[in-house]
Amino acid sequence: MIEYAKLHWQCRRGTKELDFLLLRYLDIKYLLADKEEQSCFIELLALEDDVLLGLLLSDVTIESVAMQALTRKIFI
C-alpha cells in the first residue's frame, strides 16, 4: 500500500471540488476499501485534472466497471 501521506498529497489538486471529493474519500473510505478498490483509486489519482473533473462532476464515463463504481462512491 502506498503511504497515506503520499496519497493525501496526490489528492490535493488545486481545485476545491476535486480536493474536497478526493480527500473526503481518502479520509473516510480508502482504508476500509479492498485492495482492488484501493488500486483503482491510485489509478484515478494518476489521471489529469480535467479528465478527473469530467469523471466526477459531469457526464464523462469510463469503460472500467470498477472505476465507474469508485467514481460513484467518491461522489456520494
PDB file of N, CA and C in Angstrom:
ATOM      1  N   MET A   1       0.844  -1.192   0.000  1.00  0.00           N
ATOM      2  CA  MET A   1       0.000   0.000   0.000  1.00  0.00           C
ATOM      3  C   MET A   1       0.885   1.250   0.000  1.00  0.00           C
ATOM      4  N   ILE A   2       0.538   2.178  -0.854  1.00  0.00           N
ATOM      5  CA  ILE A   2       1.265   3.443  -0.897  1.00  0.00           C
ATOM      6  C   ILE A   2       1.004   4.194   0.401  1.00  0.00           C
ATOM      7  N   GLU A   3       2.003   4.894   0.888  1.00  0.00           N
ATOM      8  CA  GLU A   3       1.865   5.642   2.131  1.00  0.00           C
ATOM      9  C   GLU A   3       0.674   6.583   2.080  1.00  0.00           C
ATOM     10  N   TYR A   4      -0.023   6.668   3.193  1.00  0.00           N
ATOM     11  CA  TYR A   4      -1.190   7.538   3.310  1.00  0.00           C
ATOM     12  C   TYR A   4      -0.808   8.993   3.036  1.00  0.00           C
ATOM     13  N   ALA A   5       0.308   9.437   3.550  1.00  0.00           N
ATOM     14  CA  ALA A   5       0.724  10.836   3.354  1.00  0.00           C
ATOM     15  C   ALA A   5       0.951  11.142   1.874  1.00  0.00           C
ATOM     16  N   LYS A   6       1.502  10.191   1.137  1.00  0.00           N
ATOM     17  CA  LYS A   6       1.721  10.387  -0.296  1.00  0.00           C
ATOM     18  C   LYS A   6       0.382  10.484  -1.025  1.00  0.00           C
ATOM     19  N   LEU A   7      -0.553   9.636  -0.663  1.00  0.00           N
ATOM     20  CA  LEU A   7      -1.887   9.693  -1.270  1.00  0.00           C
ATOM     21  C   LEU A   7      -2.581  11.013  -0.937  1.00  0.00           C
ATOM     22  N   HIS A   8      -2.426  11.444   0.294  1.00  0.00           N
ATOM     23  CA  HIS A   8      -3.029  12.715   0.713  1.00  0.00           C
ATOM     24  C   HIS A   8      -2.491  13.853  -0.155  1.00  0.00           C
ATOM     25  N   TRP A   9      -1.210  13.844  -0.398  1.00  0.00           N
ATOM     26  CA  TRP A   9      -0.587  14.872  -1.236  1.00  0.00           C
ATOM     27  C   TRP A   9      -1.122  14.799  -2.666  1.00  0.00           C
ATOM     28  N   GLN A  10      -1.283  13.595  -3.197  1.00  0.00           N
ATOM     29  CA  GLN A  10      -1.777  13.422  -4.560  1.00  0.00           C
ATOM     30  C   GLN A  10      -3.244  13.837  -4.696  1.00  0.00           C
ATOM     31  N   CYS A  11      -3.988  13.812  -3.611  1.00  0.00           N
ATOM     32  CA  CYS A  11      -5.395  14.233  -3.632  1.00  0.00           C
ATOM     33  C   CYS A  11      -5.532  15.748  -3.699  1.00  0.00           C
ATOM     34  N   ARG A  12      -4.505  16.470  -3.345  1.00  0.00           N
ATOM     35  CA  ARG A  12      -4.542  17.930  -3.393  1.00  0.00           C
ATOM     36  C   ARG A  12      -4.309  18.362  -4.827  1.00  0.00           C
ATOM     37  N   ARG A  13      -5.376  18.735  -5.510  1.00  0.00           N
ATOM     38  CA  ARG A  13      -5.303  19.002  -6.932  1.00  0.00           C
ATOM     39  C   ARG A  13      -5.339  20.481  -7.291  1.00  0.00           C
ATOM     40  N   GLY A  14      -5.700  21.334  -6.370  1.00  0.00           N
ATOM     41  CA  GLY A  14      -5.718  22.761  -6.671  1.00  0.00           C
ATOM     42  C   GLY A  14      -7.090  23.314  -6.985  1.00  0.00           C
ATOM     43  N   THR A  15      -8.069  22.444  -7.113  1.00  0.00           N
ATOM     44  CA  THR A  15      -9.447  22.914  -7.251  1.00  0.00           C
ATOM     45  C   THR A  15     -10.221  22.455  -6.021  1.00  0.00           C
ATOM     46  N   LYS A  16     -11.041  23.324  -5.505  1.00  0.00           N
ATOM     47  CA  LYS A  16     -11.770  22.996  -4.273  1.00  0.00           C
ATOM     48  C   LYS A  16     -12.622  21.746  -4.426  1.00  0.00           C
ATOM     49  N   GLU A  17     -13.250  21.613  -5.589  1.00  0.00           N
ATOM     50  CA  GLU A  17     -14.141  20.476  -5.805  1.00  0.00           C
ATOM     51  C   GLU A  17     -13.383  19.151  -5.763  1.00  0.00           C
ATOM     52  N   LEU A  18     -12.292  19.074  -6.509  1.00  0.00           N
ATOM     53  CA  LEU A  18     -11.507  17.841  -6.513  1.00  0.00           C
ATOM     54  C   LEU A  18     -10.874  17.580  -5.155  1.00  0.00           C
ATOM     55  N   ASP A  19     -10.299  18.608  -4.556  1.00  0.00           N
ATOM     56  CA  ASP A  19      -9.691  18.438  -3.231  1.00  0.00           C
ATOM     57  C   ASP A  19     -10.706  17.875  -2.245  1.00  0.00           C
ATOM     58  N   PHE A  20     -11.896  18.460  -2.227  1.00  0.00           N
ATOM     59  CA  PHE A  20     -12.929  18.037  -1.282  1.00  0.00           C
ATOM     60  C   PHE A  20     -13.317  16.584  -1.518  1.00  0.00           C
ATOM     61  N   LEU A  21     -13.643  16.235  -2.757  1.00  0.00           N
ATOM     62  CA  LEU A  21     -14.100  14.876  -3.053  1.00  0.00           C
ATOM     63  C   LEU A  21     -13.017  13.830  -2.800  1.00  0.00           C
ATOM     64  N   LEU A  22     -11.824  14.085  -3.279  1.00  0.00           N
ATOM     65  CA  LEU A  22     -10.755  13.093  -3.147  1.00  0.00           C
ATOM     66  C   LEU A  22     -10.286  12.934  -1.704  1.00  0.00           C
ATOM     67  N   LEU A  23     -10.122  14.037  -1.011  1.00  0.00           N
ATOM     68  CA  LEU A  23      -9.672  13.955   0.383  1.00  0.00           C
ATOM     69  C   LEU A  23     -10.738  13.331   1.286  1.00  0.00           C
ATOM     70  N   ARG A  24     -12.007  13.623   1.006  1.00  0.00           N
ATOM     71  CA  ARG A  24     -13.085  13.013   1.801  1.00  0.00           C
ATOM     72  C   ARG A  24     -13.077  11.501   1.604  1.00  0.00           C
ATOM     73  N   TYR A  25     -12.935  11.045   0.358  1.00  0.00           N
ATOM     74  CA  TYR A  25     -12.864   9.604   0.109  1.00  0.00           C
ATOM     75  C   TYR A  25     -11.660   9.000   0.828  1.00  0.00           C
ATOM     76  N   LEU A  26     -10.514   9.638   0.687  1.00  0.00           N
ATOM     77  CA  LEU A  26      -9.294   9.119   1.317  1.00  0.00           C
ATOM     78  C   LEU A  26      -9.456   9.011   2.833  1.00  0.00           C
ATOM     79  N   ASP A  27      -9.987  10.043   3.438  1.00  0.00           N
ATOM     80  CA  ASP A  27     -10.108  10.075   4.898  1.00  0.00           C
ATOM     81  C   ASP A  27     -11.166   9.128   5.448  1.00  0.00           C
ATOM     82  N   ILE A  28     -12.237   8.909   4.693  1.00  0.00           N
ATOM     83  CA  ILE A  28     -13.361   8.141   5.224  1.00  0.00           C
ATOM     84  C   ILE A  28     -13.426   6.715   4.679  1.00  0.00           C
ATOM     85  N   LYS A  29     -13.160   6.539   3.391  1.00  0.00           N
ATOM     86  CA  LYS A  29     -13.461   5.250   2.765  1.00  0.00           C
ATOM     87  C   LYS A  29     -12.246   4.453   2.300  1.00  0.00           C
ATOM     88  N   TYR A  30     -11.129   5.106   2.028  1.00  0.00           N
ATOM     89  CA  TYR A  30      -9.990   4.419   1.428  1.00  0.00           C
ATOM     90  C   TYR A  30      -9.469   3.274   2.299  1.00  0.00           C
ATOM     91  N   LEU A  31      -9.261   3.516   3.556  1.00  0.00           N
ATOM     92  CA  LEU A  31      -8.678   2.490   4.429  1.00  0.00           C
ATOM     93  C   LEU A  31      -9.617   1.299   4.631  1.00  0.00           C
ATOM     94  N   LEU A  32     -10.920   1.505   4.420  1.00  0.00           N
ATOM     95  CA  LEU A  32     -11.888   0.425   4.551  1.00  0.00           C
ATOM     96  C   LEU A  32     -12.094  -0.332   3.237  1.00  0.00           C
ATOM     97  N   ALA A  33     -11.570   0.206   2.156  1.00  0.00           N
ATOM     98  CA  ALA A  33     -11.752  -0.400   0.833  1.00  0.00           C
ATOM     99  C   ALA A  33     -10.873  -1.635   0.672  1.00  0.00           C
ATOM    100  N   ASP A  34     -11.319  -2.529  -0.213  1.00  0.00           N
ATOM    101  CA  ASP A  34     -10.486  -3.702  -0.506  1.00  0.00           C
ATOM    102  C   ASP A  34      -9.320  -3.291  -1.411  1.00  0.00           C
ATOM    103  N   LYS A  35      -8.406  -4.209  -1.623  1.00  0.00           N
ATOM    104  CA  LYS A  35      -7.184  -3.912  -2.396  1.00  0.00           C
ATOM    105  C   LYS A  35      -7.500  -3.477  -3.825  1.00  0.00           C
ATOM    106  N   GLU A  36      -8.502  -4.089  -4.439  1.00  0.00           N
ATOM    107  CA  GLU A  36      -8.864  -3.730  -5.810  1.00  0.00           C
ATOM    108  C   GLU A  36      -9.344  -2.272  -5.880  1.00  0.00           C
ATOM    109  N   GLU A  37     -10.182  -1.881  -4.937  1.00  0.00           N
ATOM    110  CA  GLU A  37     -10.673  -0.507  -4.931  1.00  0.00           C
ATOM    111  C   GLU A  37      -9.546   0.475  -4.619  1.00  0.00           C
ATOM    112  N   GLN A  38      -8.649   0.106  -3.718  1.00  0.00           N
ATOM    113  CA  GLN A  38      -7.517   0.975  -3.415  1.00  0.00           C
ATOM    114  C   GLN A  38      -6.634   1.154  -4.655  1.00  0.00           C
ATOM    115  N   SER A  39      -6.401   0.087  -5.390  1.00  0.00           N
ATOM    116  CA  SER A  39      -5.613   0.182  -6.622  1.00  0.00           C
ATOM    117  C   SER A  39      -6.314   1.055  -7.652  1.00  0.00           C
ATOM    118  N   CYS A  40      -7.603   0.931  -7.734  1.00  0.00           N
ATOM    119  CA  CYS A  40      -8.389   1.734  -8.661  1.00  0.00           C
ATOM    120  C   CYS A  40      -8.298   3.223  -8.291  1.00  0.00           C
ATOM    121  N   PHE A  41      -8.309   3.520  -7.006  1.00  0.00           N
ATOM    122  CA  PHE A  41      -8.181   4.904  -6.544  1.00  0.00           C
ATOM    123  C   PHE A  41      -6.813   5.465  -6.919  1.00  0.00           C
ATOM    124  N   ILE A  42      -5.780   4.672  -6.766  1.00  0.00           N
ATOM    125  CA  ILE A  42      -4.429   5.102  -7.136  1.00  0.00           C
ATOM    126  C   ILE A  42      -4.362   5.374  -8.643  1.00  0.00           C
ATOM    127  N   GLU A  43      -5.001   4.529  -9.449  1.00  0.00           N
ATOM    128  CA  GLU A  43      -5.062   4.768 -10.897  1.00  0.00           C
ATOM    129  C   GLU A  43      -5.816   6.070 -11.192  1.00  0.00           C
ATOM    130  N   LEU A  44      -6.892   6.294 -10.476  1.00  0.00           N
ATOM    131  CA  LEU A  44      -7.690   7.507 -10.657  1.00  0.00           C
ATOM    132  C   LEU A  44      -6.857   8.754 -10.379  1.00  0.00           C
ATOM    133  N   LEU A  45      -6.029   8.699  -9.349  1.00  0.00           N
ATOM    134  CA  LEU A  45      -5.192   9.848  -8.999  1.00  0.00           C
ATOM    135  C   LEU A  45      -4.142  10.147 -10.072  1.00  0.00           C
ATOM    136  N   ALA A  46      -3.843   9.179 -10.922  1.00  0.00           N
ATOM    137  CA  ALA A  46      -2.866   9.386 -11.992  1.00  0.00           C
ATOM    138  C   ALA A  46      -3.460  10.134 -13.182  1.00  0.00           C
ATOM    139  N   LEU A  47      -4.772  10.289 -13.216  1.00  0.00           N
ATOM    140  CA  LEU A  47      -5.418  10.981 -14.330  1.00  0.00           C
ATOM    141  C   LEU A  47      -5.186  12.486 -14.248  1.00  0.00           C
ATOM    142  N   GLU A  48      -5.243  13.132 -15.406  1.00  0.00           N
ATOM    143  CA  GLU A  48      -5.137  14.588 -15.462  1.00  0.00           C
ATOM    144  C   GLU A  48      -6.359  15.214 -14.801  1.00  0.00           C
ATOM    145  N   ASP A  49      -6.197  16.415 -14.278  1.00  0.00           N
ATOM    146  CA  ASP A  49      -7.275  17.076 -13.558  1.00  0.00           C
ATOM    147  C   ASP A  49      -8.544  17.255 -14.386  1.00  0.00           C
ATOM    148  N   ASP A  50      -8.407  17.632 -15.661  1.00  0.00           N
ATOM    149  CA  ASP A  50      -9.593  17.845 -16.483  1.00  0.00           C
ATOM    150  C   ASP A  50     -10.365  16.549 -16.712  1.00  0.00           C
ATOM    151  N   VAL A  51      -9.659  15.445 -16.864  1.00  0.00           N
ATOM    152  CA  VAL A  51     -10.310  14.144 -17.014  1.00  0.00           C
ATOM    153  C   VAL A  51     -10.992  13.758 -15.710  1.00  0.00           C
ATOM    154  N   LEU A  52     -10.298  13.959 -14.625  1.00  0.00           N
ATOM    155  CA  LEU A  52     -10.833  13.638 -13.305  1.00  0.00           C
ATOM    156  C   LEU A  52     -12.087  14.462 -12.997  1.00  0.00           C
ATOM    157  N   LEU A  53     -12.043  15.742 -13.316  1.00  0.00           N
ATOM    158  CA  LEU A  53     -13.229  16.593 -13.143  1.00  0.00           C
ATOM    159  C   LEU A  53     -14.388  16.070 -13.974  1.00  0.00           C
ATOM    160  N   GLY A  54     -14.113  15.681 -15.192  1.00  0.00           N
ATOM    161  CA  GLY A  54     -15.161  15.139 -16.053  1.00  0.00           C
ATOM    162  C   GLY A  54     -15.777  13.872 -15.493  1.00  0.00           C
ATOM    163  N   LEU A  55     -14.946  12.990 -14.969  1.00  0.00           N
ATOM    164  CA  LEU A  55     -15.446  11.736 -14.410  1.00  0.00           C
ATOM    165  C   LEU A  55     -16.285  11.958 -13.161  1.00  0.00           C
ATOM    166  N   LEU A  56     -15.843  12.875 -12.319  1.00  0.00           N
ATOM    167  CA  LEU A  56     -16.522  13.054 -11.039  1.00  0.00           C
ATOM    168  C   LEU A  56     -17.677  14.048 -11.075  1.00  0.00           C
ATOM    169  N   LEU A  57     -17.599  15.030 -11.953  1.00  0.00           N
ATOM    170  CA  LEU A  57     -18.580  16.111 -11.889  1.00  0.00           C
ATOM    171  C   LEU A  57     -19.445  16.279 -13.133  1.00  0.00           C
ATOM    172  N   SER A  58     -19.242  15.457 -14.157  1.00  0.00           N
ATOM    173  CA  SER A  58     -20.084  15.604 -15.343  1.00  0.00           C
ATOM    174  C   SER A  58     -20.435  14.237 -15.905  1.00  0.00           C
ATOM    175  N   ASP A  59     -20.831  14.220 -17.150  1.00  0.00           N
ATOM    176  CA  ASP A  59     -21.337  13.002 -17.769  1.00  0.00           C
ATOM    177  C   ASP A  59     -20.273  12.122 -18.410  1.00  0.00           C
ATOM    178  N   VAL A  60     -19.011  12.430 -18.227  1.00  0.00           N
ATOM    179  CA  VAL A  60     -17.946  11.616 -18.817  1.00  0.00           C
ATOM    180  C   VAL A  60     -17.956  10.245 -18.136  1.00  0.00           C
ATOM    181  N   THR A  61     -17.883   9.207 -18.942  1.00  0.00           N
ATOM    182  CA  THR A  61     -17.853   7.852 -18.390  1.00  0.00           C
ATOM    183  C   THR A  61     -16.555   7.170 -18.779  1.00  0.00           C
ATOM    184  N   ILE A  62     -16.268   6.122 -18.079  1.00  0.00           N
ATOM    185  CA  ILE A  62     -15.072   5.332 -18.316  1.00  0.00           C
ATOM    186  C   ILE A  62     -15.512   3.880 -18.474  1.00  0.00           C
ATOM    187  N   GLU A  63     -14.790   3.117 -19.265  1.00  0.00           N
ATOM    188  CA  GLU A  63     -15.208   1.748 -19.569  1.00  0.00           C
ATOM    189  C   GLU A  63     -15.093   0.797 -18.387  1.00  0.00           C
ATOM    190  N   SER A  64     -14.122   1.004 -17.537  1.00  0.00           N
ATOM    191  CA  SER A  64     -13.891   0.105 -16.411  1.00  0.00           C
ATOM    192  C   SER A  64     -15.058   0.158 -15.418  1.00  0.00           C
ATOM    193  N   VAL A  65     -15.658  -1.003 -15.193  1.00  0.00           N
ATOM    194  CA  VAL A  65     -16.772  -1.085 -14.250  1.00  0.00           C
ATOM    195  C   VAL A  65     -16.306  -0.745 -12.837  1.00  0.00           C
ATOM    196  N   ALA A  66     -15.111  -1.192 -12.475  1.00  0.00           N
ATOM    197  CA  ALA A  66     -14.572  -0.894 -11.148  1.00  0.00           C
ATOM    198  C   ALA A  66     -14.354   0.605 -10.970  1.00  0.00           C
ATOM    199  N   MET A  67     -13.863   1.269 -12.014  1.00  0.00           N
ATOM    200  CA  MET A  67     -13.632   2.709 -11.948  1.00  0.00           C
ATOM    201  C   MET A  67     -14.961   3.460 -11.878  1.00  0.00           C
ATOM    202  N   GLN A  68     -15.970   2.998 -12.604  1.00  0.00           N
ATOM    203  CA  GLN A  68     -17.299   3.612 -12.534  1.00  0.00           C
ATOM    204  C   GLN A  68     -17.855   3.522 -11.121  1.00  0.00           C
ATOM    205  N   ALA A  69     -17.723   2.349 -10.509  1.00  0.00           N
ATOM    206  CA  ALA A  69     -18.214   2.159  -9.144  1.00  0.00           C
ATOM    207  C   ALA A  69     -17.468   3.070  -8.174  1.00  0.00           C
ATOM    208  N   LEU A  70     -16.173   3.196  -8.363  1.00  0.00           N
ATOM    209  CA  LEU A  70     -15.374   4.046  -7.489  1.00  0.00           C
ATOM    210  C   LEU A  70     -15.773   5.512  -7.634  1.00  0.00           C
ATOM    211  N   THR A  71     -15.964   5.985  -8.863  1.00  0.00           N
ATOM    212  CA  THR A  71     -16.331   7.395  -9.040  1.00  0.00           C
ATOM    213  C   THR A  71     -17.689   7.686  -8.417  1.00  0.00           C
ATOM    214  N   ARG A  72     -18.622   6.737  -8.495  1.00  0.00           N
ATOM    215  CA  ARG A  72     -19.909   6.928  -7.817  1.00  0.00           C
ATOM    216  C   ARG A  72     -19.717   6.985  -6.302  1.00  0.00           C
ATOM    217  N   LYS A  73     -18.874   6.109  -5.789  1.00  0.00           N
ATOM    218  CA  LYS A  73     -18.611   6.064  -4.353  1.00  0.00           C
ATOM    219  C   LYS A  73     -17.948   7.341  -3.856  1.00  0.00           C
ATOM    220  N   ILE A  74     -17.046   7.890  -4.636  1.00  0.00           N
ATOM    221  CA  ILE A  74     -16.367   9.125  -4.264  1.00  0.00           C
ATOM    222  C   ILE A  74     -17.369  10.271  -4.224  1.00  0.00           C
ATOM    223  N   PHE A  75     -18.272  10.281  -5.186  1.00  0.00           N
ATOM    224  CA  PHE A  75     -19.202  11.415  -5.282  1.00  0.00           C
ATOM    225  C   PHE A  75     -20.271  11.389  -4.192  1.00  0.00           C
ATOM    226  N   ILE A  76     -20.620  10.232  -3.676  1.00  0.00           N
ATOM    227  CA  ILE A  76     -21.669  10.165  -2.645  1.00  0.00           C
ATOM    228  C   ILE A  76     -21.134  10.580  -1.300  1.00  0.00           C
TER     229      ILE A  76
END
